[in-house]
C-alpha atoms as a PDB file:
ATOM      1  CA  MET A   1       2.774 -41.011 -15.290  1.00  0.00           C
ATOM      2  CA  THR A   2       3.380 -41.090 -19.017  1.00  0.00           C
ATOM      3  CA  GLU A   3       4.400 -38.225 -21.215  1.00  0.00           C
ATOM      4  CA  THR A   4       0.854 -37.985 -22.538  1.00  0.00           C
ATOM      5  CA  ASP A   5      -0.560 -37.697 -19.034  1.00  0.00           C
ATOM      6  CA  LEU A   6       2.033 -35.081 -18.155  1.00  0.00           C
ATOM      7  CA  LEU A   7       1.250 -33.121 -21.320  1.00  0.00           C
ATOM      8  CA  LYS A   8      -2.484 -33.278 -20.565  1.00  0.00           C
ATOM      9  CA  TYR A   9      -1.867 -32.049 -17.019  1.00  0.00           C
ATOM     10  CA  PHE A  10       0.093 -28.981 -18.130  1.00  0.00           C
ATOM     11  CA  LEU A  11      -2.366 -28.204 -20.893  1.00  0.00           C
ATOM     12  CA  THR A  12      -5.251 -28.218 -18.412  1.00  0.00           C
ATOM     13  CA  GLN A  13      -3.395 -26.302 -15.707  1.00  0.00           C
ATOM     14  CA  GLY A  14      -1.534 -23.906 -18.000  1.00  0.00           C
ATOM     15  CA  PRO A  15      -4.291 -21.309 -18.421  1.00  0.00           C
ATOM     16  CA  PHE A  16      -4.919 -21.259 -14.676  1.00  0.00           C
ATOM     17  CA  ALA A  17      -1.223 -20.911 -13.922  1.00  0.00           C
ATOM     18  CA  ALA A  18      -0.910 -18.050 -16.414  1.00  0.00           C
ATOM     19  CA  LEU A  19      -3.999 -16.377 -14.950  1.00  0.00           C
ATOM     20  CA  PHE A  20      -2.584 -16.743 -11.437  1.00  0.00           C
ATOM     21  CA  VAL A  21       0.747 -15.186 -12.422  1.00  0.00           C
ATOM     22  CA  TRP A  22      -0.996 -12.313 -14.221  1.00  0.00           C
ATOM     23  CA  LEU A  23      -3.283 -11.726 -11.234  1.00  0.00           C
ATOM     24  CA  LEU A  24      -0.350 -11.802  -8.819  1.00  0.00           C
ATOM     25  CA  ILE A  25       1.587  -9.233 -10.859  1.00  0.00           C
ATOM     26  CA  TYR A  26      -1.525  -7.058 -11.232  1.00  0.00           C
ATOM     27  CA  VAL A  27      -2.234  -7.087  -7.488  1.00  0.00           C
ATOM     28  CA  MET A  28       1.371  -6.331  -6.604  1.00  0.00           C
ATOM     29  CA  ARG A  29       1.483  -3.395  -9.038  1.00  0.00           C
ATOM     30  CA  THR A  30      -1.849  -2.044  -7.769  1.00  0.00           C
ATOM     31  CA  ASN A  31      -0.706  -2.304  -4.148  1.00  0.00           C
ATOM     32  CA  LYS A  32       2.527  -0.478  -4.960  1.00  0.00           C
ATOM     33  CA  GLU A  33       0.601   2.388  -6.553  1.00  0.00           C
ATOM     34  CA  ARG A  34      -1.827   2.520  -3.618  1.00  0.00           C
ATOM     35  CA  GLU A  35       1.027   2.571  -1.104  1.00  0.00           C
ATOM     36  CA  GLY A  36       2.655   5.437  -3.028  1.00  0.00           C
ATOM     37  CA  ARG A  37      -0.559   7.481  -2.878  1.00  0.00           C
ATOM     38  CA  LEU A  38      -0.953   6.665   0.805  1.00  0.00           C
ATOM     39  CA  GLN A  39       2.605   7.775   1.528  1.00  0.00           C
ATOM     40  CA  ASP A  40       1.968  11.093  -0.245  1.00  0.00           C
ATOM     41  CA  LEU A  41      -1.171  11.601   1.822  1.00  0.00           C
ATOM     42  CA  LEU A  42       0.668  10.802   5.057  1.00  0.00           C
ATOM     43  CA  ASP A  43       3.399  13.280   4.141  1.00  0.00           C
ATOM     44  CA  LYS A  44       0.796  16.001   3.645  1.00  0.00           C
ATOM     45  CA  PHE A  45      -0.825  15.192   6.997  1.00  0.00           C
ATOM     46  CA  SER A  46       2.592  15.254   8.639  1.00  0.00           C
ATOM     47  CA  ASP A  47       3.250  18.748   7.314  1.00  0.00           C
ATOM     48  CA  LYS A  48      -0.117  19.971   8.599  1.00  0.00           C
ATOM     49  CA  TYR A  49       0.480  18.259  11.948  1.00  0.00           C
ATOM     50  CA  ASP A  50       3.710  20.209  12.444  1.00  0.00           C
ATOM     51  CA  VAL A  51       1.880  23.476  11.695  1.00  0.00           C
ATOM     52  CA  ILE A  52      -0.923  22.649  14.146  1.00  0.00           C
ATOM     53  CA  ILE A  53       1.497  21.676  16.925  1.00  0.00           C
ATOM     54  CA  GLY A  54       3.372  24.943  16.413  1.00  0.00           C
ATOM     55  CA  GLU A  55       0.138  26.915  16.639  1.00  0.00           C
ATOM     56  CA  LEU A  56      -0.909  25.072  19.799  1.00  0.00           C
ATOM     57  CA  ARG A  57       2.448  25.827  21.431  1.00  0.00           C
ATOM     58  CA  ASP A  58       2.046  29.507  20.552  1.00  0.00           C
ATOM     59  CA  ILE A  59      -1.428  29.545  22.111  1.00  0.00           C
ATOM     60  CA  LYS A  60      -0.183  27.708  25.186  1.00  0.00           C
ATOM     61  CA  GLU A  61       2.523  30.338  25.740  1.00  0.00           C
ATOM     62  CA  HIS A  62      -0.146  33.047  26.051  1.00  0.00           C
ATOM     63  CA  PHE A  63      -1.845  31.363  29.021  1.00  0.00           C
ATOM     64  CA  PRO A  64      -0.239  31.280  32.485  1.00  0.00           C
ATOM     65  CA  ARG A  65       0.123  27.990  34.237  1.00  0.00           C
ATOM     66  CA  ASP A  66      -2.213  27.603  37.191  1.00  0.00           C
ATOM     67  CA  TYR A  67      -0.608  24.571  38.776  1.00  0.00           C
END
């Protein structure tokens, strides 16, 4: 492969390589933001879950066990 062939190869593949790198960075950044929002949502559900479990235990204490 001569220098001219090598130069032609990189000139033809360069835009695709740059597009790939940009797309990879974009997807990684988007996924990081999405995971952050998901974690916030899971934290909120976790707080509500603790409240609901506490309420269910309070209700359960008011009923006698039949078994």
